[in-house]
Amino acid sequence: MKVTIKIMQFTLVLFSAFAFSQATAKEVCDCTGTLTKNNFRVGQCSVRSMTVKYKVGHFFGEPTVNGTYKWQAGTGTKQNCLPSDLKVWLKIKNGTSYGYIGLAPTVPKADGGYGYNVTGSPNWNSFICGYSGTRERNCFNPDSAKRIYKGGSIVGFELSHK
């Protein structure tokens, strides 16, 4: 009898933890997707199309970020004209609040496949930042970053290089 009660208690605890994790997971931006921009310039590079593939999530309460891109060169543009320090900034928005999440994959040649990147786990205080022109500005404190992340969505991207 005691063994049956212990098993029932253990099962209840596991079910409660599972139910809590499922409810929590739906309240945050586990964002996976692609975004595309067409016909723009990066310095002397003419970009006909750029598609950014991203995955922003969390693991054991910490943020995780991964992403890369592929691009097609415009007429007369060299396949390796993008700068090696090109950085992608994903725009995350929740209501009227927004910020940017940085991605720095390898820079692929034009008209090829995606560049390479690995999943990173930034600290909450460097996860979501402001962005101005060519660089990040004033990253959000952990509480503010979590508020934007919770229920937020990725709505666009910008590019920068030094």
C-alpha atoms as a PDB file:
ATOM      1  CA  MET A   1       0.000   0.000   0.000  1.00  0.00           C
ATOM      2  CA  LYS A   2       2.795   2.454   0.922  1.00  0.00           C
ATOM      3  CA  VAL A   3       4.614   1.654  -2.324  1.00  0.00           C
ATOM      4  CA  THR A   4       1.468   2.391  -4.349  1.00  0.00           C
ATOM      5  CA  ILE A   5       0.987   5.737  -2.586  1.00  0.00           C
ATOM      6  CA  LYS A   6       4.649   6.673  -3.188  1.00  0.00           C
ATOM      7  CA  ILE A   7       4.333   5.788  -6.882  1.00  0.00           C
ATOM      8  CA  MET A   8       1.137   7.853  -7.147  1.00  0.00           C
ATOM      9  CA  GLN A   9       2.824  10.832  -5.418  1.00  0.00           C
ATOM     10  CA  PHE A  10       5.856  10.545  -7.697  1.00  0.00           C
ATOM     11  CA  THR A  11       3.597  10.342 -10.783  1.00  0.00           C
ATOM     12  CA  LEU A  12       1.659  13.408  -9.617  1.00  0.00           C
ATOM     13  CA  VAL A  13       4.886  15.378  -9.121  1.00  0.00           C
ATOM     14  CA  LEU A  14       6.141  14.395 -12.596  1.00  0.00           C
ATOM     15  CA  PHE A  15       2.800  15.269 -14.197  1.00  0.00           C
ATOM     16  CA  SER A  16       2.721  18.647 -12.408  1.00  0.00           C
ATOM     17  CA  ALA A  17       6.273  19.454 -13.538  1.00  0.00           C
ATOM     18  CA  PHE A  18       5.414  18.455 -17.122  1.00  0.00           C
ATOM     19  CA  ALA A  19       2.217  20.531 -17.128  1.00  0.00           C
ATOM     20  CA  PHE A  20       4.099  23.540 -15.717  1.00  0.00           C
ATOM     21  CA  SER A  21       6.872  23.245 -18.316  1.00  0.00           C
ATOM     22  CA  GLN A  22       4.322  23.046 -21.146  1.00  0.00           C
ATOM     23  CA  ALA A  23       2.459  26.125 -19.912  1.00  0.00           C
ATOM     24  CA  THR A  24       5.720  28.032 -19.474  1.00  0.00           C
ATOM     25  CA  ALA A  25       7.031  27.059 -22.917  1.00  0.00           C
ATOM     26  CA  LYS A  26       3.959  28.536 -24.623  1.00  0.00           C
ATOM     27  CA  GLU A  27       4.444  31.858 -22.834  1.00  0.00           C
ATOM     28  CA  VAL A  28       7.880  32.594 -24.261  1.00  0.00           C
ATOM     29  CA  CYS A  29       9.325  33.231 -27.694  1.00  0.00           C
ATOM     30  CA  ASP A  30      10.611  29.866 -28.833  1.00  0.00           C
ATOM     31  CA  CYS A  31      11.063  31.453 -32.231  1.00  0.00           C
ATOM     32  CA  THR A  32      12.187  29.426 -35.196  1.00  0.00           C
ATOM     33  CA  GLY A  33      11.851  30.652 -38.740  1.00  0.00           C
ATOM     34  CA  THR A  34      13.214  32.473 -41.754  1.00  0.00           C
ATOM     35  CA  LEU A  35      13.081  36.087 -42.902  1.00  0.00           C
ATOM     36  CA  THR A  36      13.963  37.437 -46.346  1.00  0.00           C
ATOM     37  CA  LYS A  37      14.939  40.905 -47.613  1.00  0.00           C
ATOM     38  CA  ASN A  38      15.374  41.803 -51.269  1.00  0.00           C
ATOM     39  CA  ASN A  39      17.300  44.380 -53.292  1.00  0.00           C
ATOM     40  CA  PHE A  40      19.559  46.283 -50.896  1.00  0.00           C
ATOM     41  CA  ARG A  41      23.227  47.195 -50.493  1.00  0.00           C
ATOM     42  CA  VAL A  42      25.893  46.364 -47.927  1.00  0.00           C
ATOM     43  CA  GLY A  43      28.697  48.820 -48.688  1.00  0.00           C
ATOM     44  CA  GLN A  44      29.709  48.133 -52.308  1.00  0.00           C
ATOM     45  CA  CYS A  45      27.813  44.815 -52.358  1.00  0.00           C
ATOM     46  CA  SER A  46      24.530  44.635 -54.190  1.00  0.00           C
ATOM     47  CA  VAL A  47      22.321  41.999 -52.561  1.00  0.00           C
ATOM     48  CA  ARG A  48      19.446  40.677 -54.643  1.00  0.00           C
ATOM     49  CA  SER A  49      18.112  38.508 -51.810  1.00  0.00           C
ATOM     50  CA  MET A  50      19.121  37.476 -48.287  1.00  0.00           C
ATOM     51  CA  THR A  51      17.354  34.819 -46.230  1.00  0.00           C
ATOM     52  CA  VAL A  52      18.102  34.574 -42.517  1.00  0.00           C
ATOM     53  CA  LYS A  53      17.324  31.290 -40.765  1.00  0.00           C
ATOM     54  CA  TYR A  54      17.109  31.539 -36.956  1.00  0.00           C
ATOM     55  CA  LYS A  55      16.213  29.712 -33.778  1.00  0.00           C
ATOM     56  CA  VAL A  56      15.834  31.604 -30.507  1.00  0.00           C
ATOM     57  CA  GLY A  57      14.788  29.650 -27.448  1.00  0.00           C
ATOM     58  CA  HIS A  58      15.736  28.748 -23.926  1.00  0.00           C
ATOM     59  CA  PHE A  59      17.248  25.788 -22.119  1.00  0.00           C
ATOM     60  CA  PHE A  60      17.211  25.354 -18.337  1.00  0.00           C
ATOM     61  CA  GLY A  61      16.159  28.988 -17.915  1.00  0.00           C
ATOM     62  CA  GLU A  62      18.915  30.460 -20.095  1.00  0.00           C
ATOM     63  CA  PRO A  63      18.487  31.966 -23.573  1.00  0.00           C
ATOM     64  CA  THR A  64      19.792  30.131 -26.642  1.00  0.00           C
ATOM     65  CA  VAL A  65      20.478  31.653 -30.051  1.00  0.00           C
ATOM     66  CA  ASN A  66      21.436  30.200 -33.406  1.00  0.00           C
ATOM     67  CA  GLY A  67      21.119  31.500 -36.928  1.00  0.00           C
ATOM     68  CA  THR A  68      22.728  31.873 -40.293  1.00  0.00           C
ATOM     69  CA  TYR A  69      21.939  33.232 -43.736  1.00  0.00           C
ATOM     70  CA  LYS A  70      22.337  32.731 -47.460  1.00  0.00           C
ATOM     71  CA  TRP A  71      22.312  35.398 -50.107  1.00  0.00           C
ATOM     72  CA  GLN A  72      22.159  36.053 -53.829  1.00  0.00           C
ATOM     73  CA  ALA A  73      24.392  38.678 -55.397  1.00  0.00           C
ATOM     74  CA  GLY A  74      23.021  41.465 -57.525  1.00  0.00           C
ATOM     75  CA  THR A  75      24.219  42.014 -61.084  1.00  0.00           C
ATOM     76  CA  GLY A  76      27.987  42.560 -61.279  1.00  0.00           C
ATOM     77  CA  THR A  77      28.586  41.761 -57.587  1.00  0.00           C
ATOM     78  CA  LYS A  78      31.408  39.409 -56.563  1.00  0.00           C
ATOM     79  CA  GLN A  79      30.481  36.231 -54.702  1.00  0.00           C
ATOM     80  CA  ASN A  80      32.658  37.107 -51.710  1.00  0.00           C
ATOM     81  CA  CYS A  81      32.029  40.837 -51.387  1.00  0.00           C
ATOM     82  CA  LEU A  82      30.225  40.781 -48.021  1.00  0.00           C
ATOM     83  CA  PRO A  83      32.535  41.853 -45.180  1.00  0.00           C
ATOM     84  CA  SER A  84      33.860  39.081 -42.914  1.00  0.00           C
ATOM     85  CA  ASP A  85      32.584  40.913 -39.818  1.00  0.00           C
ATOM     86  CA  LEU A  86      28.972  41.138 -41.018  1.00  0.00           C
ATOM     87  CA  LYS A  87      26.528  40.712 -38.136  1.00  0.00           C
ATOM     88  CA  VAL A  88      22.801  39.993 -38.333  1.00  0.00           C
ATOM     89  CA  TRP A  89      20.511  41.638 -35.767  1.00  0.00           C
ATOM     90  CA  LEU A  90      17.160  39.889 -35.268  1.00  0.00           C
ATOM     91  CA  LYS A  91      14.460  42.309 -34.143  1.00  0.00           C
ATOM     92  CA  ILE A  92      12.360  40.853 -31.311  1.00  0.00           C
ATOM     93  CA  LYS A  93       9.158  42.644 -30.391  1.00  0.00           C
ATOM     94  CA  ASN A  94       6.605  42.252 -27.622  1.00  0.00           C
ATOM     95  CA  GLY A  95       3.834  44.849 -27.714  1.00  0.00           C
ATOM     96  CA  THR A  96       5.538  48.239 -28.072  1.00  0.00           C
ATOM     97  CA  SER A  97       8.843  47.002 -26.589  1.00  0.00           C
ATOM     98  CA  TYR A  98      11.564  45.709 -28.861  1.00  0.00           C
ATOM     99  CA  GLY A  99      15.267  44.999 -29.053  1.00  0.00           C
ATOM    100  CA  TYR A 100      17.809  43.112 -31.131  1.00  0.00           C
ATOM    101  CA  ILE A 101      19.494  39.728 -30.814  1.00  0.00           C
ATOM    102  CA  GLY A 102      22.885  39.399 -32.511  1.00  0.00           C
ATOM    103  CA  LEU A 103      23.961  36.571 -34.830  1.00  0.00           C
ATOM    104  CA  ALA A 104      27.480  36.270 -36.205  1.00  0.00           C
ATOM    105  CA  PRO A 105      27.679  33.183 -38.439  1.00  0.00           C
ATOM    106  CA  THR A 106      30.388  32.601 -41.029  1.00  0.00           C
ATOM    107  CA  VAL A 107      29.836  34.698 -44.133  1.00  0.00           C
ATOM    108  CA  PRO A 108      28.824  32.461 -47.046  1.00  0.00           C
ATOM    109  CA  LYS A 109      29.629  33.159 -50.689  1.00  0.00           C
ATOM    110  CA  ALA A 110      26.788  34.442 -52.821  1.00  0.00           C
ATOM    111  CA  ASP A 111      24.485  31.997 -54.561  1.00  0.00           C
ATOM    112  CA  GLY A 112      25.631  29.146 -52.298  1.00  0.00           C
ATOM    113  CA  GLY A 113      24.239  27.627 -49.143  1.00  0.00           C
ATOM    114  CA  TYR A 114      23.875  28.929 -45.638  1.00  0.00           C
ATOM    115  CA  GLY A 115      26.884  29.995 -43.568  1.00  0.00           C
ATOM    116  CA  TYR A 116      27.872  28.056 -40.457  1.00  0.00           C
ATOM    117  CA  ASN A 117      27.002  28.843 -36.852  1.00  0.00           C
ATOM    118  CA  VAL A 118      26.579  26.991 -33.562  1.00  0.00           C
ATOM    119  CA  THR A 119      24.010  27.550 -30.852  1.00  0.00           C
ATOM    120  CA  GLY A 120      25.168  29.992 -28.216  1.00  0.00           C
ATOM    121  CA  SER A 121      23.799  30.786 -24.787  1.00  0.00           C
ATOM    122  CA  PRO A 122      24.379  34.453 -23.965  1.00  0.00           C
ATOM    123  CA  ASN A 123      23.790  35.848 -20.494  1.00  0.00           C
ATOM    124  CA  TRP A 124      20.419  37.523 -20.035  1.00  0.00           C
ATOM    125  CA  ASN A 125      22.180  40.900 -19.670  1.00  0.00           C
ATOM    126  CA  SER A 126      23.673  40.594 -23.195  1.00  0.00           C
ATOM    127  CA  PHE A 127      20.831  38.674 -24.885  1.00  0.00           C
ATOM    128  CA  ILE A 128      18.670  41.558 -26.154  1.00  0.00           C
ATOM    129  CA  CYS A 129      20.249  44.917 -26.942  1.00  0.00           C
ATOM    130  CA  GLY A 130      19.490  48.215 -28.582  1.00  0.00           C
ATOM    131  CA  TYR A 131      20.887  48.713 -32.073  1.00  0.00           C
ATOM    132  CA  SER A 132      21.974  51.888 -33.800  1.00  0.00           C
ATOM    133  CA  GLY A 133      23.403  51.951 -37.301  1.00  0.00           C
ATOM    134  CA  THR A 134      26.499  49.798 -36.995  1.00  0.00           C
ATOM    135  CA  ARG A 135      26.602  48.509 -33.431  1.00  0.00           C
ATOM    136  CA  GLU A 136      24.739  47.333 -30.384  1.00  0.00           C
ATOM    137  CA  ARG A 137      23.717  49.886 -27.805  1.00  0.00           C
ATOM    138  CA  ASN A 138      22.834  49.396 -24.158  1.00  0.00           C
ATOM    139  CA  CYS A 139      21.767  45.801 -23.676  1.00  0.00           C
ATOM    140  CA  PHE A 140      18.663  45.248 -21.567  1.00  0.00           C
ATOM    141  CA  ASN A 141      18.974  44.145 -17.964  1.00  0.00           C
ATOM    142  CA  PRO A 142      17.879  40.536 -17.313  1.00  0.00           C
ATOM    143  CA  ASP A 143      14.356  41.444 -16.124  1.00  0.00           C
ATOM    144  CA  SER A 144      13.674  43.662 -19.153  1.00  0.00           C
ATOM    145  CA  ALA A 145      15.129  41.083 -21.569  1.00  0.00           C
ATOM    146  CA  LYS A 146      12.897  38.381 -20.071  1.00  0.00           C
ATOM    147  CA  ARG A 147       9.814  40.623 -20.417  1.00  0.00           C
ATOM    148  CA  ILE A 148      10.520  41.220 -24.110  1.00  0.00           C
ATOM    149  CA  TYR A 149      11.330  37.541 -24.708  1.00  0.00           C
ATOM    150  CA  LYS A 150       8.224  36.275 -22.905  1.00  0.00           C
ATOM    151  CA  GLY A 151       5.516  36.310 -25.540  1.00  0.00           C
ATOM    152  CA  GLY A 152       7.704  38.152 -28.062  1.00  0.00           C
ATOM    153  CA  SER A 153       8.255  37.359 -31.714  1.00  0.00           C
ATOM    154  CA  ILE A 154      10.983  37.903 -34.284  1.00  0.00           C
ATOM    155  CA  VAL A 155       9.684  40.529 -36.729  1.00  0.00           C
ATOM    156  CA  GLY A 156      12.673  41.496 -38.894  1.00  0.00           C
ATOM    157  CA  PHE A 157      16.429  41.843 -39.177  1.00  0.00           C
ATOM    158  CA  GLU A 158      19.142  44.442 -39.748  1.00  0.00           C
ATOM    159  CA  LEU A 159      22.809  44.092 -40.721  1.00  0.00           C
ATOM    160  CA  SER A 160      25.962  45.757 -39.444  1.00  0.00           C
ATOM    161  CA  HIS A 161      29.729  45.569 -39.792  1.00  0.00           C
ATOM    162  CA  LYS A 162      32.645  47.502 -38.351  1.00  0.00           C
END
